[in-house]
Amino acid sequence: MEVLERLYQFPNLKDINVLNNPIEQNATSFNILLAEVLIKKPKIERFCKHKITQANQLEAVYLAKFKW
């Protein structure tokens, strides 16, 4: 995850692709990985060629509340 955190410094970032990367391969679930990214950077429109939906954003909200 620390590699992804380096990408958060770019304010206009709208699309991230980490397919076939150790970050994506070590994640337990794609939805959990996506929710963790959306917690830090909610303005992302696409992640790994997947368009962000409202359901993905709600999963991020619930994950943030669960972690808190």
PDB file of N, CA and C in Angstrom:
ATOM      1  N   MET A   1       0.805  -1.196   0.000  1.00  0.00           N
ATOM      2  CA  MET A   1       0.000   0.000   0.000  1.00  0.00           C
ATOM      3  C   MET A   1       0.848   1.260   0.000  1.00  0.00           C
ATOM      4  N   GLU A   2       2.061   1.175   0.513  1.00  0.00           N
ATOM      5  CA  GLU A   2       2.889   2.385   0.564  1.00  0.00           C
ATOM      6  C   GLU A   2       3.255   2.887  -0.829  1.00  0.00           C
ATOM      7  N   VAL A   3       3.269   1.998  -1.814  1.00  0.00           N
ATOM      8  CA  VAL A   3       3.547   2.431  -3.182  1.00  0.00           C
ATOM      9  C   VAL A   3       2.379   3.248  -3.711  1.00  0.00           C
ATOM     10  N   LEU A   4       1.167   2.838  -3.385  1.00  0.00           N
ATOM     11  CA  LEU A   4      -0.010   3.604  -3.808  1.00  0.00           C
ATOM     12  C   LEU A   4      -0.070   4.963  -3.123  1.00  0.00           C
ATOM     13  N   GLU A   5       0.404   5.034  -1.901  1.00  0.00           N
ATOM     14  CA  GLU A   5       0.359   6.305  -1.180  1.00  0.00           C
ATOM     15  C   GLU A   5       1.247   7.357  -1.832  1.00  0.00           C
ATOM     16  N   ARG A   6       2.258   6.930  -2.545  1.00  0.00           N
ATOM     17  CA  ARG A   6       3.085   7.890  -3.287  1.00  0.00           C
ATOM     18  C   ARG A   6       2.305   8.537  -4.415  1.00  0.00           C
ATOM     19  N   LEU A   7       1.323   7.833  -4.957  1.00  0.00           N
ATOM     20  CA  LEU A   7       0.524   8.383  -6.051  1.00  0.00           C
ATOM     21  C   LEU A   7      -0.491   9.410  -5.579  1.00  0.00           C
ATOM     22  N   TYR A   8      -0.816   9.404  -4.291  1.00  0.00           N
ATOM     23  CA  TYR A   8      -1.824  10.319  -3.767  1.00  0.00           C
ATOM     24  C   TYR A   8      -1.355  11.772  -3.774  1.00  0.00           C
ATOM     25  N   GLN A   9      -0.079  12.013  -3.983  1.00  0.00           N
ATOM     26  CA  GLN A   9       0.420  13.386  -3.974  1.00  0.00           C
ATOM     27  C   GLN A   9       0.009  14.161  -5.226  1.00  0.00           C
ATOM     28  N   PHE A  10      -0.443  13.458  -6.262  1.00  0.00           N
ATOM     29  CA  PHE A  10      -0.877  14.116  -7.484  1.00  0.00           C
ATOM     30  C   PHE A  10      -2.362  14.459  -7.370  1.00  0.00           C
ATOM     31  N   PRO A  11      -2.707  15.747  -7.303  1.00  0.00           N
ATOM     32  CA  PRO A  11      -4.102  16.117  -7.028  1.00  0.00           C
ATOM     33  C   PRO A  11      -5.062  15.835  -8.187  1.00  0.00           C
ATOM     34  N   ASN A  12      -4.590  15.807  -9.422  1.00  0.00           N
ATOM     35  CA  ASN A  12      -5.474  15.621 -10.566  1.00  0.00           C
ATOM     36  C   ASN A  12      -5.571  14.178 -11.032  1.00  0.00           C
ATOM     37  N   LEU A  13      -5.109  13.251 -10.239  1.00  0.00           N
ATOM     38  CA  LEU A  13      -5.107  11.843 -10.606  1.00  0.00           C
ATOM     39  C   LEU A  13      -6.534  11.307 -10.612  1.00  0.00           C
ATOM     40  N   LYS A  14      -6.976  10.764 -11.750  1.00  0.00           N
ATOM     41  CA  LYS A  14      -8.345  10.255 -11.888  1.00  0.00           C
ATOM     42  C   LYS A  14      -8.388   8.775 -12.239  1.00  0.00           C
ATOM     43  N   ASP A  15      -7.258   8.195 -12.658  1.00  0.00           N
ATOM     44  CA  ASP A  15      -7.239   6.813 -13.128  1.00  0.00           C
ATOM     45  C   ASP A  15      -5.967   6.138 -12.647  1.00  0.00           C
ATOM     46  N   ILE A  16      -6.099   5.024 -11.916  1.00  0.00           N
ATOM     47  CA  ILE A  16      -4.946   4.264 -11.430  1.00  0.00           C
ATOM     48  C   ILE A  16      -5.095   2.832 -11.927  1.00  0.00           C
ATOM     49  N   ASN A  17      -4.004   2.264 -12.418  1.00  0.00           N
ATOM     50  CA  ASN A  17      -4.024   0.885 -12.877  1.00  0.00           C
ATOM     51  C   ASN A  17      -2.878   0.137 -12.204  1.00  0.00           C
ATOM     52  N   VAL A  18      -3.212  -0.844 -11.379  1.00  0.00           N
ATOM     53  CA  VAL A  18      -2.197  -1.648 -10.692  1.00  0.00           C
ATOM     54  C   VAL A  18      -2.401  -3.136 -10.966  1.00  0.00           C
ATOM     55  N   LEU A  19      -2.938  -3.464 -12.131  1.00  0.00           N
ATOM     56  CA  LEU A  19      -3.155  -4.867 -12.482  1.00  0.00           C
ATOM     57  C   LEU A  19      -1.825  -5.588 -12.620  1.00  0.00           C
ATOM     58  N   ASN A  20      -1.816  -6.863 -12.187  1.00  0.00           N
ATOM     59  CA  ASN A  20      -0.630  -7.717 -12.244  1.00  0.00           C
ATOM     60  C   ASN A  20       0.556  -7.084 -11.528  1.00  0.00           C
ATOM     61  N   ASN A  21       0.274  -6.465 -10.422  1.00  0.00           N
ATOM     62  CA  ASN A  21       1.247  -5.782  -9.607  1.00  0.00           C
ATOM     63  C   ASN A  21       1.205  -6.453  -8.224  1.00  0.00           C
ATOM     64  N   PRO A  22       2.293  -6.451  -7.470  1.00  0.00           N
ATOM     65  CA  PRO A  22       2.250  -7.066  -6.134  1.00  0.00           C
ATOM     66  C   PRO A  22       1.169  -6.476  -5.228  1.00  0.00           C
ATOM     67  N   ILE A  23       0.835  -5.222  -5.427  1.00  0.00           N
ATOM     68  CA  ILE A  23      -0.215  -4.605  -4.611  1.00  0.00           C
ATOM     69  C   ILE A  23      -1.545  -5.306  -4.861  1.00  0.00           C
ATOM     70  N   GLU A  24      -1.847  -5.523  -6.125  1.00  0.00           N
ATOM     71  CA  GLU A  24      -3.118  -6.139  -6.490  1.00  0.00           C
ATOM     72  C   GLU A  24      -3.109  -7.634  -6.193  1.00  0.00           C
ATOM     73  N   GLN A  25      -1.997  -8.287  -6.393  1.00  0.00           N
ATOM     74  CA  GLN A  25      -1.916  -9.730  -6.196  1.00  0.00           C
ATOM     75  C   GLN A  25      -1.921 -10.121  -4.723  1.00  0.00           C
ATOM     76  N   ASN A  26      -1.451  -9.263  -3.835  1.00  0.00           N
ATOM     77  CA  ASN A  26      -1.423  -9.563  -2.409  1.00  0.00           C
ATOM     78  C   ASN A  26      -2.701  -9.146  -1.685  1.00  0.00           C
ATOM     79  N   ALA A  27      -3.587  -8.469  -2.381  1.00  0.00           N
ATOM     80  CA  ALA A  27      -4.845  -8.037  -1.759  1.00  0.00           C
ATOM     81  C   ALA A  27      -5.770  -9.230  -1.567  1.00  0.00           C
ATOM     82  N   THR A  28      -6.506  -9.233  -0.475  1.00  0.00           N
ATOM     83  CA  THR A  28      -7.422 -10.338  -0.209  1.00  0.00           C
ATOM     84  C   THR A  28      -8.629 -10.292  -1.140  1.00  0.00           C
ATOM     85  N   SER A  29      -9.062  -9.096  -1.487  1.00  0.00           N
ATOM     86  CA  SER A  29     -10.223  -8.926  -2.350  1.00  0.00           C
ATOM     87  C   SER A  29     -10.052  -7.632  -3.136  1.00  0.00           C
ATOM     88  N   PHE A  30     -10.532  -7.633  -4.367  1.00  0.00           N
ATOM     89  CA  PHE A  30     -10.455  -6.424  -5.178  1.00  0.00           C
ATOM     90  C   PHE A  30     -11.303  -5.323  -4.576  1.00  0.00           C
ATOM     91  N   ASN A  31     -12.474  -5.687  -4.033  1.00  0.00           N
ATOM     92  CA  ASN A  31     -13.352  -4.678  -3.444  1.00  0.00           C
ATOM     93  C   ASN A  31     -12.732  -4.024  -2.215  1.00  0.00           C
ATOM     94  N   ILE A  32     -12.031  -4.789  -1.408  1.00  0.00           N
ATOM     95  CA  ILE A  32     -11.365  -4.223  -0.231  1.00  0.00           C
ATOM     96  C   ILE A  32     -10.244  -3.286  -0.665  1.00  0.00           C
ATOM     97  N   LEU A  33      -9.464  -3.706  -1.655  1.00  0.00           N
ATOM     98  CA  LEU A  33      -8.389  -2.859  -2.172  1.00  0.00           C
ATOM     99  C   LEU A  33      -8.960  -1.565  -2.734  1.00  0.00           C
ATOM    100  N   LEU A  34     -10.025  -1.672  -3.498  1.00  0.00           N
ATOM    101  CA  LEU A  34     -10.658  -0.498  -4.076  1.00  0.00           C
ATOM    102  C   LEU A  34     -11.206   0.417  -2.989  1.00  0.00           C
ATOM    103  N   ALA A  35     -11.811  -0.156  -1.959  1.00  0.00           N
ATOM    104  CA  ALA A  35     -12.355   0.656  -0.870  1.00  0.00           C
ATOM    105  C   ALA A  35     -11.246   1.383  -0.123  1.00  0.00           C
ATOM    106  N   GLU A  36     -10.109   0.717   0.094  1.00  0.00           N
ATOM    107  CA  GLU A  36      -8.992   1.376   0.781  1.00  0.00           C
ATOM    108  C   GLU A  36      -8.437   2.525  -0.044  1.00  0.00           C
ATOM    109  N   VAL A  37      -8.404   2.371  -1.348  1.00  0.00           N
ATOM    110  CA  VAL A  37      -7.936   3.458  -2.210  1.00  0.00           C
ATOM    111  C   VAL A  37      -8.941   4.604  -2.187  1.00  0.00           C
ATOM    112  N   LEU A  38     -10.221   4.290  -2.223  1.00  0.00           N
ATOM    113  CA  LEU A  38     -11.245   5.337  -2.220  1.00  0.00           C
ATOM    114  C   LEU A  38     -11.316   6.086  -0.895  1.00  0.00           C
ATOM    115  N   ILE A  39     -10.905   5.456   0.194  1.00  0.00           N
ATOM    116  CA  ILE A  39     -10.861   6.160   1.475  1.00  0.00           C
ATOM    117  C   ILE A  39      -9.847   7.296   1.399  1.00  0.00           C
ATOM    118  N   LYS A  40      -8.703   7.016   0.788  1.00  0.00           N
ATOM    119  CA  LYS A  40      -7.637   8.026   0.701  1.00  0.00           C
ATOM    120  C   LYS A  40      -7.862   9.026  -0.429  1.00  0.00           C
ATOM    121  N   LYS A  41      -8.409   8.562  -1.552  1.00  0.00           N
ATOM    122  CA  LYS A  41      -8.555   9.409  -2.748  1.00  0.00           C
ATOM    123  C   LYS A  41      -9.945   9.202  -3.347  1.00  0.00           C
ATOM    124  N   PRO A  42     -10.975   9.844  -2.789  1.00  0.00           N
ATOM    125  CA  PRO A  42     -12.346   9.586  -3.241  1.00  0.00           C
ATOM    126  C   PRO A  42     -12.696  10.158  -4.617  1.00  0.00           C
ATOM    127  N   LYS A  43     -11.857  10.967  -5.199  1.00  0.00           N
ATOM    128  CA  LYS A  43     -12.175  11.573  -6.494  1.00  0.00           C
ATOM    129  C   LYS A  43     -11.707  10.746  -7.688  1.00  0.00           C
ATOM    130  N   ILE A  44     -11.208   9.548  -7.427  1.00  0.00           N
ATOM    131  CA  ILE A  44     -10.763   8.684  -8.521  1.00  0.00           C
ATOM    132  C   ILE A  44     -11.997   8.216  -9.294  1.00  0.00           C
ATOM    133  N   GLU A  45     -11.896   8.233 -10.627  1.00  0.00           N
ATOM    134  CA  GLU A  45     -13.009   7.828 -11.469  1.00  0.00           C
ATOM    135  C   GLU A  45     -12.885   6.386 -11.948  1.00  0.00           C
ATOM    136  N   ARG A  46     -11.639   5.905 -12.130  1.00  0.00           N
ATOM    137  CA  ARG A  46     -11.407   4.526 -12.570  1.00  0.00           C
ATOM    138  C   ARG A  46     -10.256   3.937 -11.784  1.00  0.00           C
ATOM    139  N   PHE A  47     -10.364   2.657 -11.472  1.00  0.00           N
ATOM    140  CA  PHE A  47      -9.303   1.942 -10.772  1.00  0.00           C
ATOM    141  C   PHE A  47      -9.163   0.584 -11.420  1.00  0.00           C
ATOM    142  N   CYS A  48      -7.998   0.299 -11.953  1.00  0.00           N
ATOM    143  CA  CYS A  48      -7.733  -0.975 -12.643  1.00  0.00           C
ATOM    144  C   CYS A  48      -8.771  -1.249 -13.728  1.00  0.00           C
ATOM    145  N   LYS A  49      -9.016  -0.267 -14.553  1.00  0.00           N
ATOM    146  CA  LYS A  49      -9.949  -0.362 -15.686  1.00  0.00           C
ATOM    147  C   LYS A  49     -11.383  -0.633 -15.248  1.00  0.00           C
ATOM    148  N   HIS A  50     -11.687  -0.347 -13.998  1.00  0.00           N
ATOM    149  CA  HIS A  50     -13.037  -0.524 -13.451  1.00  0.00           C
ATOM    150  C   HIS A  50     -13.582   0.847 -13.101  1.00  0.00           C
ATOM    151  N   LYS A  51     -14.706   1.204 -13.697  1.00  0.00           N
ATOM    152  CA  LYS A  51     -15.314   2.500 -13.406  1.00  0.00           C
ATOM    153  C   LYS A  51     -15.912   2.476 -12.001  1.00  0.00           C
ATOM    154  N   ILE A  52     -15.618   3.500 -11.222  1.00  0.00           N
ATOM    155  CA  ILE A  52     -16.082   3.590  -9.840  1.00  0.00           C
ATOM    156  C   ILE A  52     -17.579   3.877  -9.831  1.00  0.00           C
ATOM    157  N   THR A  53     -18.323   3.069  -9.109  1.00  0.00           N
ATOM    158  CA  THR A  53     -19.763   3.259  -8.989  1.00  0.00           C
ATOM    159  C   THR A  53     -20.095   3.747  -7.582  1.00  0.00           C
ATOM    160  N   GLN A  54     -21.350   4.074  -7.393  1.00  0.00           N
ATOM    161  CA  GLN A  54     -21.791   4.527  -6.081  1.00  0.00           C
ATOM    162  C   GLN A  54     -21.681   3.397  -5.059  1.00  0.00           C
ATOM    163  N   ALA A  55     -21.873   2.167  -5.504  1.00  0.00           N
ATOM    164  CA  ALA A  55     -21.742   1.022  -4.599  1.00  0.00           C
ATOM    165  C   ALA A  55     -20.309   0.909  -4.078  1.00  0.00           C
ATOM    166  N   ASN A  56     -19.321   1.157  -4.941  1.00  0.00           N
ATOM    167  CA  ASN A  56     -17.926   1.134  -4.512  1.00  0.00           C
ATOM    168  C   ASN A  56     -17.649   2.232  -3.494  1.00  0.00           C
ATOM    169  N   GLN A  57     -18.234   3.397  -3.706  1.00  0.00           N
ATOM    170  CA  GLN A  57     -18.032   4.496  -2.771  1.00  0.00           C
ATOM    171  C   GLN A  57     -18.672   4.193  -1.421  1.00  0.00           C
ATOM    172  N   LEU A  58     -19.829   3.543  -1.426  1.00  0.00           N
ATOM    173  CA  LEU A  58     -20.473   3.176  -0.166  1.00  0.00           C
ATOM    174  C   LEU A  58     -19.675   2.112   0.574  1.00  0.00           C
ATOM    175  N   GLU A  59     -19.071   1.187  -0.148  1.00  0.00           N
ATOM    176  CA  GLU A  59     -18.208   0.193   0.494  1.00  0.00           C
ATOM    177  C   GLU A  59     -17.030   0.872   1.182  1.00  0.00           C
ATOM    178  N   ALA A  60     -16.497   1.918   0.560  1.00  0.00           N
ATOM    179  CA  ALA A  60     -15.387   2.652   1.159  1.00  0.00           C
ATOM    180  C   ALA A  60     -15.831   3.360   2.437  1.00  0.00           C
ATOM    181  N   VAL A  61     -17.032   3.907   2.426  1.00  0.00           N
ATOM    182  CA  VAL A  61     -17.551   4.575   3.624  1.00  0.00           C
ATOM    183  C   VAL A  61     -17.708   3.567   4.760  1.00  0.00           C
ATOM    184  N   TYR A  62     -18.287   2.409   4.462  1.00  0.00           N
ATOM    185  CA  TYR A  62     -18.477   1.392   5.497  1.00  0.00           C
ATOM    186  C   TYR A  62     -17.149   0.858   6.003  1.00  0.00           C
ATOM    187  N   LEU A  63     -16.166   0.696   5.119  1.00  0.00           N
ATOM    188  CA  LEU A  63     -14.859   0.235   5.555  1.00  0.00           C
ATOM    189  C   LEU A  63     -14.178   1.265   6.449  1.00  0.00           C
ATOM    190  N   ALA A  64     -14.296   2.536   6.102  1.00  0.00           N
ATOM    191  CA  ALA A  64     -13.708   3.589   6.929  1.00  0.00           C
ATOM    192  C   ALA A  64     -14.350   3.615   8.311  1.00  0.00           C
ATOM    193  N   LYS A  65     -15.677   3.456   8.366  1.00  0.00           N
ATOM    194  CA  LYS A  65     -16.363   3.422   9.656  1.00  0.00           C
ATOM    195  C   LYS A  65     -15.962   2.195  10.458  1.00  0.00           C
ATOM    196  N   PHE A  66     -15.786   1.055   9.773  1.00  0.00           N
ATOM    197  CA  PHE A  66     -15.385  -0.174  10.444  1.00  0.00           C
ATOM    198  C   PHE A  66     -13.980  -0.043  11.025  1.00  0.00           C
ATOM    199  N   LYS A  67     -13.068   0.563  10.271  1.00  0.00           N
ATOM    200  CA  LYS A  67     -11.696   0.736  10.758  1.00  0.00           C
ATOM    201  C   LYS A  67     -11.629   1.724  11.910  1.00  0.00           C
ATOM    202  N   TRP A  68     -12.506   2.730  11.902  1.00  0.00           N
ATOM    203  CA  TRP A  68     -12.473   3.733  12.934  1.00  0.00           C
ATOM    204  C   TRP A  68     -12.967   3.142  14.234  1.00  0.00           C
TER     205      TRP A  68
END
